[in-house]
Amino acid sequence: MKEHELFNPIKSFLIEAMGCEEVFGEVLDCDVLGLNGSVNIIVELKTNLTFKLIDQAMERLRHGHYVYIAVPKRKTHIPRLVTKILKQHKIGLLYVNNGFVEISTKAKFNRLPVERVKRDGKYDIRQHIKPYHREQMGGKKSGEVITDYSLMIDDIRRFLKMKRMYTTNNDGWVTIDDILTHCDERIMYTNPKPTLSATLRKEWNHSWCEIKKIGRTPYFRYKDSDLEHKERDV
């Protein structure tokens, strides 16, 4: 069983058994966030009960009034040390078995998010919920998770690809200003021009974005071997 396969049973459990009106995936690195009135219920998903998972759940106490760990049903008893740590930090434990969820240990109310929001409202996790979180499954690998960054990069890739395929002048090369003009809604940076230019130069974007400089001005173009072959054939 993979982590994201735990998501749907947990989502149903939060709605049907815990009274959550809405459930979201991967908000601020929390696998699952359920909202019940003003209460935040956070669930961390893993295929094994480990101390790393417990440490993650302890981090989520900053945002969740109730924090749970969810793992597949165990055949062995939980070590007493683990039980003690979970109880000490008010973290609950859920078992998932054949699509059903069983409460092994109930989470206790945690006041830390209340105090943090009173002190500084920016720590309210609800302020970070985006429309795509409603459809996103929790427990996925980081590269598979939708984020503001991934949406921005996808938008830029589409723009550069269209320019490469259908623009006759400049051979598909565009400036940062061109990108900012056409992809403005998705740009997530407060100082967009230098930051976006630096982002597109990063090694992990080299597979699809090529760069050249004319004078001091950098130009960017969609990299596509199929398009390059067509250009040579013509």
C-alpha atoms as a PDB file:
ATOM      1  CA  MET A   1       0.000   0.000   0.000  1.00  0.00           C
ATOM      2  CA  LYS A   2       1.239   3.489  -0.906  1.00  0.00           C
ATOM      3  CA  GLU A   3       0.739   6.581   1.215  1.00  0.00           C
ATOM      4  CA  HIS A   4      -1.696   8.275  -1.170  1.00  0.00           C
ATOM      5  CA  GLU A   5      -3.895   5.149  -1.109  1.00  0.00           C
ATOM      6  CA  LEU A   6      -4.654   5.972   2.513  1.00  0.00           C
ATOM      7  CA  PHE A   7      -6.076   9.362   1.524  1.00  0.00           C
ATOM      8  CA  ASN A   8      -9.599   8.467   0.353  1.00  0.00           C
ATOM      9  CA  PRO A   9     -10.474   6.325   3.406  1.00  0.00           C
ATOM     10  CA  ILE A  10      -9.148   9.081   5.685  1.00  0.00           C
ATOM     11  CA  LYS A  11     -11.064  11.756   3.759  1.00  0.00           C
ATOM     12  CA  SER A  12     -14.308   9.793   4.116  1.00  0.00           C
ATOM     13  CA  PHE A  13     -13.590   9.233   7.804  1.00  0.00           C
ATOM     14  CA  LEU A  14     -13.011  12.941   8.444  1.00  0.00           C
ATOM     15  CA  ILE A  15     -16.283  13.852   6.726  1.00  0.00           C
ATOM     16  CA  GLU A  16     -18.499  11.058   8.048  1.00  0.00           C
ATOM     17  CA  ALA A  17     -17.070  10.368  11.512  1.00  0.00           C
ATOM     18  CA  MET A  18     -15.373  13.642  12.448  1.00  0.00           C
ATOM     19  CA  GLY A  19     -17.917  16.037  10.937  1.00  0.00           C
ATOM     20  CA  CYS A  20     -15.528  17.912   8.640  1.00  0.00           C
ATOM     21  CA  GLU A  21     -17.187  20.144   6.058  1.00  0.00           C
ATOM     22  CA  GLU A  22     -14.124  20.206   3.798  1.00  0.00           C
ATOM     23  CA  VAL A  23     -10.979  18.103   3.391  1.00  0.00           C
ATOM     24  CA  PHE A  24      -7.820  19.196   1.567  1.00  0.00           C
ATOM     25  CA  GLY A  25      -4.575  17.520   0.508  1.00  0.00           C
ATOM     26  CA  GLU A  26      -0.996  18.778   0.971  1.00  0.00           C
ATOM     27  CA  VAL A  27      -1.609  22.176   2.568  1.00  0.00           C
ATOM     28  CA  LEU A  28       1.687  23.507   3.989  1.00  0.00           C
ATOM     29  CA  ASP A  29       3.146  19.982   3.735  1.00  0.00           C
ATOM     30  CA  CYS A  30       0.321  18.538   5.860  1.00  0.00           C
ATOM     31  CA  ASP A  31      -0.872  15.350   4.152  1.00  0.00           C
ATOM     32  CA  VAL A  32      -4.541  15.885   5.035  1.00  0.00           C
ATOM     33  CA  LEU A  33      -6.347  18.904   6.478  1.00  0.00           C
ATOM     34  CA  GLY A  34      -9.980  18.648   7.558  1.00  0.00           C
ATOM     35  CA  LEU A  35     -12.053  21.642   8.652  1.00  0.00           C
ATOM     36  CA  ASN A  36     -14.799  21.236  11.250  1.00  0.00           C
ATOM     37  CA  GLY A  37     -16.117  24.709  12.013  1.00  0.00           C
ATOM     38  CA  SER A  38     -13.162  26.616  13.433  1.00  0.00           C
ATOM     39  CA  VAL A  39     -11.267  23.404  14.228  1.00  0.00           C
ATOM     40  CA  ASN A  40      -8.364  22.127  12.095  1.00  0.00           C
ATOM     41  CA  ILE A  41      -7.843  18.358  12.009  1.00  0.00           C
ATOM     42  CA  ILE A  42      -4.539  17.247  10.478  1.00  0.00           C
ATOM     43  CA  VAL A  43      -3.641  13.681   9.512  1.00  0.00           C
ATOM     44  CA  GLU A  44      -0.180  12.511   8.471  1.00  0.00           C
ATOM     45  CA  LEU A  45      -0.150   9.425   6.242  1.00  0.00           C
ATOM     46  CA  LYS A  46       2.554   6.765   6.155  1.00  0.00           C
ATOM     47  CA  THR A  47       2.803   3.089   5.323  1.00  0.00           C
ATOM     48  CA  ASN A  48       4.782   2.420   8.517  1.00  0.00           C
ATOM     49  CA  LEU A  49       4.699   3.802  12.041  1.00  0.00           C
ATOM     50  CA  THR A  50       8.145   5.342  12.515  1.00  0.00           C
ATOM     51  CA  PHE A  51       9.764   7.945  14.738  1.00  0.00           C
ATOM     52  CA  LYS A  52      10.178  10.139  11.649  1.00  0.00           C
ATOM     53  CA  LEU A  53       6.404  10.061  11.193  1.00  0.00           C
ATOM     54  CA  ILE A  54       5.888  10.942  14.850  1.00  0.00           C
ATOM     55  CA  ASP A  55       8.312  13.839  14.458  1.00  0.00           C
ATOM     56  CA  GLN A  56       6.304  15.099  11.457  1.00  0.00           C
ATOM     57  CA  ALA A  57       3.093  14.877  13.469  1.00  0.00           C
ATOM     58  CA  MET A  58       4.694  16.874  16.273  1.00  0.00           C
ATOM     59  CA  GLU A  59       5.574  19.585  13.730  1.00  0.00           C
ATOM     60  CA  ARG A  60       1.918  19.685  12.643  1.00  0.00           C
ATOM     61  CA  LEU A  61       0.873  20.639  16.171  1.00  0.00           C
ATOM     62  CA  ARG A  62       1.664  24.215  15.117  1.00  0.00           C
ATOM     63  CA  HIS A  63      -1.366  24.146  12.810  1.00  0.00           C
ATOM     64  CA  GLY A  64      -3.771  21.430  13.976  1.00  0.00           C
ATOM     65  CA  HIS A  65      -6.164  21.541  16.923  1.00  0.00           C
ATOM     66  CA  TYR A  66      -6.284  17.758  16.559  1.00  0.00           C
ATOM     67  CA  VAL A  67      -3.390  15.858  14.960  1.00  0.00           C
ATOM     68  CA  TYR A  68      -3.497  12.215  13.901  1.00  0.00           C
ATOM     69  CA  ILE A  69      -1.153   9.672  12.374  1.00  0.00           C
ATOM     70  CA  ALA A  70      -2.708   7.190   9.938  1.00  0.00           C
ATOM     71  CA  VAL A  71      -1.044   3.898   8.978  1.00  0.00           C
ATOM     72  CA  PRO A  72      -2.220   0.528   7.653  1.00  0.00           C
ATOM     73  CA  LYS A  73      -3.545  -1.858  10.316  1.00  0.00           C
ATOM     74  CA  ARG A  74      -0.679  -3.403  12.285  1.00  0.00           C
ATOM     75  CA  LYS A  75      -0.337  -7.082  13.170  1.00  0.00           C
ATOM     76  CA  THR A  76       1.874  -6.313  16.156  1.00  0.00           C
ATOM     77  CA  HIS A  77       1.350  -4.195  19.256  1.00  0.00           C
ATOM     78  CA  ILE A  78       2.607  -0.635  19.408  1.00  0.00           C
ATOM     79  CA  PRO A  79       5.769  -0.291  21.538  1.00  0.00           C
ATOM     80  CA  ARG A  80       5.031   1.312  24.906  1.00  0.00           C
ATOM     81  CA  LEU A  81       7.507   4.117  24.223  1.00  0.00           C
ATOM     82  CA  VAL A  82       5.585   5.089  21.072  1.00  0.00           C
ATOM     83  CA  THR A  83       2.284   5.039  22.962  1.00  0.00           C
ATOM     84  CA  LYS A  84       3.802   7.234  25.664  1.00  0.00           C
ATOM     85  CA  ILE A  85       5.131   9.786  23.142  1.00  0.00           C
ATOM     86  CA  LEU A  86       1.807   9.998  21.292  1.00  0.00           C
ATOM     87  CA  LYS A  87      -0.109  10.452  24.541  1.00  0.00           C
ATOM     88  CA  GLN A  88       2.349  13.046  25.841  1.00  0.00           C
ATOM     89  CA  HIS A  89       1.928  15.164  22.700  1.00  0.00           C
ATOM     90  CA  LYS A  90      -1.846  14.577  22.342  1.00  0.00           C
ATOM     91  CA  ILE A  91      -1.408  12.894  18.943  1.00  0.00           C
ATOM     92  CA  GLY A  92      -3.986  10.332  17.845  1.00  0.00           C
ATOM     93  CA  LEU A  93      -3.449   7.114  15.887  1.00  0.00           C
ATOM     94  CA  LEU A  94      -5.675   5.792  13.096  1.00  0.00           C
ATOM     95  CA  TYR A  95      -5.534   2.397  11.406  1.00  0.00           C
ATOM     96  CA  VAL A  96      -6.650   1.918   7.795  1.00  0.00           C
ATOM     97  CA  ASN A  97      -7.784  -1.582   6.863  1.00  0.00           C
ATOM     98  CA  ASN A  98      -9.533  -2.520   3.598  1.00  0.00           C
ATOM     99  CA  GLY A  99     -10.859   0.999   3.127  1.00  0.00           C
ATOM    100  CA  PHE A 100     -12.136   1.366   6.690  1.00  0.00           C
ATOM    101  CA  VAL A 101     -10.650   3.538   9.424  1.00  0.00           C
ATOM    102  CA  GLU A 102     -10.318   2.491  13.052  1.00  0.00           C
ATOM    103  CA  ILE A 103      -9.413   4.832  15.894  1.00  0.00           C
ATOM    104  CA  SER A 104      -6.629   3.276  17.934  1.00  0.00           C
ATOM    105  CA  THR A 105      -5.958   6.386  20.036  1.00  0.00           C
ATOM    106  CA  LYS A 106      -8.013   9.586  20.062  1.00  0.00           C
ATOM    107  CA  ALA A 107      -6.168  12.870  19.625  1.00  0.00           C
ATOM    108  CA  LYS A 108      -6.577  15.442  22.397  1.00  0.00           C
ATOM    109  CA  PHE A 109      -7.288  19.130  21.839  1.00  0.00           C
ATOM    110  CA  ASN A 110      -4.127  21.123  21.197  1.00  0.00           C
ATOM    111  CA  ARG A 111      -4.153  24.853  22.040  1.00  0.00           C
ATOM    112  CA  LEU A 112      -0.939  25.788  20.240  1.00  0.00           C
ATOM    113  CA  PRO A 113      -2.638  26.895  16.956  1.00  0.00           C
ATOM    114  CA  VAL A 114      -5.065  29.072  18.938  1.00  0.00           C
ATOM    115  CA  GLU A 115      -2.204  30.832  20.690  1.00  0.00           C
ATOM    116  CA  ARG A 116      -0.197  31.237  17.469  1.00  0.00           C
ATOM    117  CA  VAL A 117      -3.114  32.764  15.560  1.00  0.00           C
ATOM    118  CA  LYS A 118      -3.809  35.186  18.403  1.00  0.00           C
ATOM    119  CA  ARG A 119      -0.155  36.187  18.417  1.00  0.00           C
ATOM    120  CA  ASP A 120       0.325  36.333  14.655  1.00  0.00           C
ATOM    121  CA  GLY A 121      -2.530  35.617  12.249  1.00  0.00           C
ATOM    122  CA  LYS A 122      -0.220  34.549   9.423  1.00  0.00           C
ATOM    123  CA  TYR A 123       0.252  31.190  11.141  1.00  0.00           C
ATOM    124  CA  ASP A 124      -3.364  30.235  10.418  1.00  0.00           C
ATOM    125  CA  ILE A 125      -3.049  27.331   7.982  1.00  0.00           C
ATOM    126  CA  ARG A 126      -6.408  28.223   6.428  1.00  0.00           C
ATOM    127  CA  GLN A 127      -4.835  31.272   4.826  1.00  0.00           C
ATOM    128  CA  HIS A 128      -2.707  28.906   2.731  1.00  0.00           C
ATOM    129  CA  ILE A 129      -5.577  26.857   1.262  1.00  0.00           C
ATOM    130  CA  LYS A 130      -5.768  27.178  -2.532  1.00  0.00           C
ATOM    131  CA  PRO A 131      -8.490  25.922  -4.930  1.00  0.00           C
ATOM    132  CA  TYR A 132      -6.285  23.052  -6.150  1.00  0.00           C
ATOM    133  CA  HIS A 133      -5.983  21.669  -2.601  1.00  0.00           C
ATOM    134  CA  ARG A 134      -9.630  20.515  -2.796  1.00  0.00           C
ATOM    135  CA  GLU A 135      -8.863  17.947  -5.487  1.00  0.00           C
ATOM    136  CA  GLN A 136      -5.326  17.085  -4.417  1.00  0.00           C
ATOM    137  CA  MET A 137      -4.614  13.767  -2.738  1.00  0.00           C
ATOM    138  CA  GLY A 138      -2.432  13.811   0.338  1.00  0.00           C
ATOM    139  CA  GLY A 139       0.530  11.495   0.762  1.00  0.00           C
ATOM    140  CA  LYS A 140       1.963  11.928  -2.736  1.00  0.00           C
ATOM    141  CA  LYS A 141       5.663  12.377  -3.477  1.00  0.00           C
ATOM    142  CA  SER A 142       6.849  15.986  -3.525  1.00  0.00           C
ATOM    143  CA  GLY A 143       7.346  16.005  -7.305  1.00  0.00           C
ATOM    144  CA  GLU A 144       3.737  14.904  -7.856  1.00  0.00           C
ATOM    145  CA  VAL A 145       2.156  17.552  -5.634  1.00  0.00           C
ATOM    146  CA  ILE A 146       0.505  20.612  -7.181  1.00  0.00           C
ATOM    147  CA  THR A 147       1.932  23.855  -5.785  1.00  0.00           C
ATOM    148  CA  ASP A 148       1.942  27.537  -6.749  1.00  0.00           C
ATOM    149  CA  TYR A 149       5.450  26.939  -8.095  1.00  0.00           C
ATOM    150  CA  SER A 150       4.466  23.961 -10.259  1.00  0.00           C
ATOM    151  CA  LEU A 151       1.478  25.854 -11.695  1.00  0.00           C
ATOM    152  CA  MET A 152       3.723  28.827 -12.490  1.00  0.00           C
ATOM    153  CA  ILE A 153       6.312  26.632 -14.244  1.00  0.00           C
ATOM    154  CA  ASP A 154       3.615  24.767 -16.217  1.00  0.00           C
ATOM    155  CA  ASP A 155       2.179  28.086 -17.410  1.00  0.00           C
ATOM    156  CA  ILE A 156       5.614  29.327 -18.513  1.00  0.00           C
ATOM    157  CA  ARG A 157       6.359  26.041 -20.292  1.00  0.00           C
ATOM    158  CA  ARG A 158       3.106  26.256 -22.239  1.00  0.00           C
ATOM    159  CA  PHE A 159       3.844  29.852 -23.242  1.00  0.00           C
ATOM    160  CA  LEU A 160       7.392  29.070 -24.385  1.00  0.00           C
ATOM    161  CA  LYS A 161       6.241  25.984 -26.276  1.00  0.00           C
ATOM    162  CA  MET A 162       3.567  27.954 -28.157  1.00  0.00           C
ATOM    163  CA  LYS A 163       6.148  30.619 -29.007  1.00  0.00           C
ATOM    164  CA  ARG A 164       8.562  27.957 -30.282  1.00  0.00           C
ATOM    165  CA  MET A 165       5.941  26.218 -32.402  1.00  0.00           C
ATOM    166  CA  TYR A 166       4.038  29.124 -33.910  1.00  0.00           C
ATOM    167  CA  THR A 167       6.254  32.234 -33.863  1.00  0.00           C
ATOM    168  CA  THR A 168       8.293  32.888 -36.993  1.00  0.00           C
ATOM    169  CA  ASN A 169      10.282  35.875 -35.739  1.00  0.00           C
ATOM    170  CA  ASN A 170      12.979  35.449 -33.072  1.00  0.00           C
ATOM    171  CA  ASP A 171      12.874  31.656 -33.555  1.00  0.00           C
ATOM    172  CA  GLY A 172      10.891  31.259 -30.329  1.00  0.00           C
ATOM    173  CA  TRP A 173      13.273  33.232 -28.129  1.00  0.00           C
ATOM    174  CA  VAL A 174      11.595  35.544 -25.578  1.00  0.00           C
ATOM    175  CA  THR A 175      12.696  37.875 -22.791  1.00  0.00           C
ATOM    176  CA  ILE A 176      11.731  37.834 -19.127  1.00  0.00           C
ATOM    177  CA  ASP A 177       9.466  40.817 -19.840  1.00  0.00           C
ATOM    178  CA  ASP A 178       7.607  38.762 -22.468  1.00  0.00           C
ATOM    179  CA  ILE A 179       7.108  35.934 -19.975  1.00  0.00           C
ATOM    180  CA  LEU A 180       5.917  38.287 -17.241  1.00  0.00           C
ATOM    181  CA  THR A 181       3.439  39.928 -19.628  1.00  0.00           C
ATOM    182  CA  HIS A 182       1.834  36.659 -20.716  1.00  0.00           C
ATOM    183  CA  CYS A 183       2.085  34.658 -17.468  1.00  0.00           C
ATOM    184  CA  ASP A 184       1.494  37.443 -14.955  1.00  0.00           C
ATOM    185  CA  GLU A 185      -1.359  35.728 -13.056  1.00  0.00           C
ATOM    186  CA  ARG A 186       0.797  32.741 -12.137  1.00  0.00           C
ATOM    187  CA  ILE A 187       3.998  34.556 -11.150  1.00  0.00           C
ATOM    188  CA  MET A 188       4.470  34.014  -7.414  1.00  0.00           C
ATOM    189  CA  TYR A 189       7.501  36.240  -6.775  1.00  0.00           C
ATOM    190  CA  THR A 190       7.395  39.682  -5.161  1.00  0.00           C
ATOM    191  CA  ASN A 191      10.493  40.735  -7.129  1.00  0.00           C
ATOM    192  CA  PRO A 192       9.659  38.785 -10.290  1.00  0.00           C
ATOM    193  CA  LYS A 193      12.163  39.857 -12.942  1.00  0.00           C
ATOM    194  CA  PRO A 194      15.488  38.800 -11.348  1.00  0.00           C
ATOM    195  CA  THR A 195      13.960  35.941  -9.349  1.00  0.00           C
ATOM    196  CA  LEU A 196      12.196  34.327 -12.302  1.00  0.00           C
ATOM    197  CA  SER A 197      15.299  34.713 -14.465  1.00  0.00           C
ATOM    198  CA  ALA A 198      17.335  32.919 -11.789  1.00  0.00           C
ATOM    199  CA  THR A 199      14.683  30.201 -11.454  1.00  0.00           C
ATOM    200  CA  LEU A 200      14.667  29.418 -15.176  1.00  0.00           C
ATOM    201  CA  ARG A 201      18.456  29.089 -15.096  1.00  0.00           C
ATOM    202  CA  LYS A 202      18.316  26.370 -12.430  1.00  0.00           C
ATOM    203  CA  GLU A 203      19.621  22.969 -13.450  1.00  0.00           C
ATOM    204  CA  TRP A 204      16.271  21.225 -12.946  1.00  0.00           C
ATOM    205  CA  ASN A 205      14.720  23.414 -15.682  1.00  0.00           C
ATOM    206  CA  HIS A 206      17.453  22.732 -18.254  1.00  0.00           C
ATOM    207  CA  SER A 207      15.542  19.780 -19.727  1.00  0.00           C
ATOM    208  CA  TRP A 208      12.880  22.070 -21.205  1.00  0.00           C
ATOM    209  CA  CYS A 209      14.263  25.638 -21.101  1.00  0.00           C
ATOM    210  CA  GLU A 210      17.324  26.856 -22.999  1.00  0.00           C
ATOM    211  CA  ILE A 211      19.002  30.221 -22.473  1.00  0.00           C
ATOM    212  CA  LYS A 212      21.171  32.571 -24.484  1.00  0.00           C
ATOM    213  CA  LYS A 213      22.434  36.106 -23.937  1.00  0.00           C
ATOM    214  CA  ILE A 214      22.537  38.998 -26.375  1.00  0.00           C
ATOM    215  CA  GLY A 215      24.534  41.745 -24.747  1.00  0.00           C
ATOM    216  CA  ARG A 216      23.311  41.820 -21.157  1.00  0.00           C
ATOM    217  CA  THR A 217      19.803  40.595 -21.966  1.00  0.00           C
ATOM    218  CA  PRO A 218      18.978  36.903 -21.362  1.00  0.00           C
ATOM    219  CA  TYR A 219      16.589  35.159 -23.771  1.00  0.00           C
ATOM    220  CA  PHE A 220      14.666  31.957 -23.092  1.00  0.00           C
ATOM    221  CA  ARG A 221      13.255  29.313 -25.418  1.00  0.00           C
ATOM    222  CA  TYR A 222      11.416  26.027 -25.106  1.00  0.00           C
ATOM    223  CA  LYS A 223      13.749  23.087 -25.648  1.00  0.00           C
ATOM    224  CA  ASP A 224      12.217  20.294 -27.700  1.00  0.00           C
ATOM    225  CA  SER A 225      14.267  17.785 -29.704  1.00  0.00           C
ATOM    226  CA  ASP A 226      11.253  16.920 -31.909  1.00  0.00           C
ATOM    227  CA  LEU A 227      10.846  20.564 -32.890  1.00  0.00           C
ATOM    228  CA  GLU A 228      14.576  20.833 -33.580  1.00  0.00           C
ATOM    229  CA  HIS A 229      14.428  17.827 -35.922  1.00  0.00           C
ATOM    230  CA  LYS A 230      11.505  19.378 -37.807  1.00  0.00           C
ATOM    231  CA  GLU A 231      13.372  22.656 -38.172  1.00  0.00           C
ATOM    232  CA  ARG A 232      16.401  20.865 -39.611  1.00  0.00           C
ATOM    233  CA  ASP A 233      14.217  18.808 -41.980  1.00  0.00           C
ATOM    234  CA  VAL A 234      12.635  21.958 -43.366  1.00  0.00           C
END
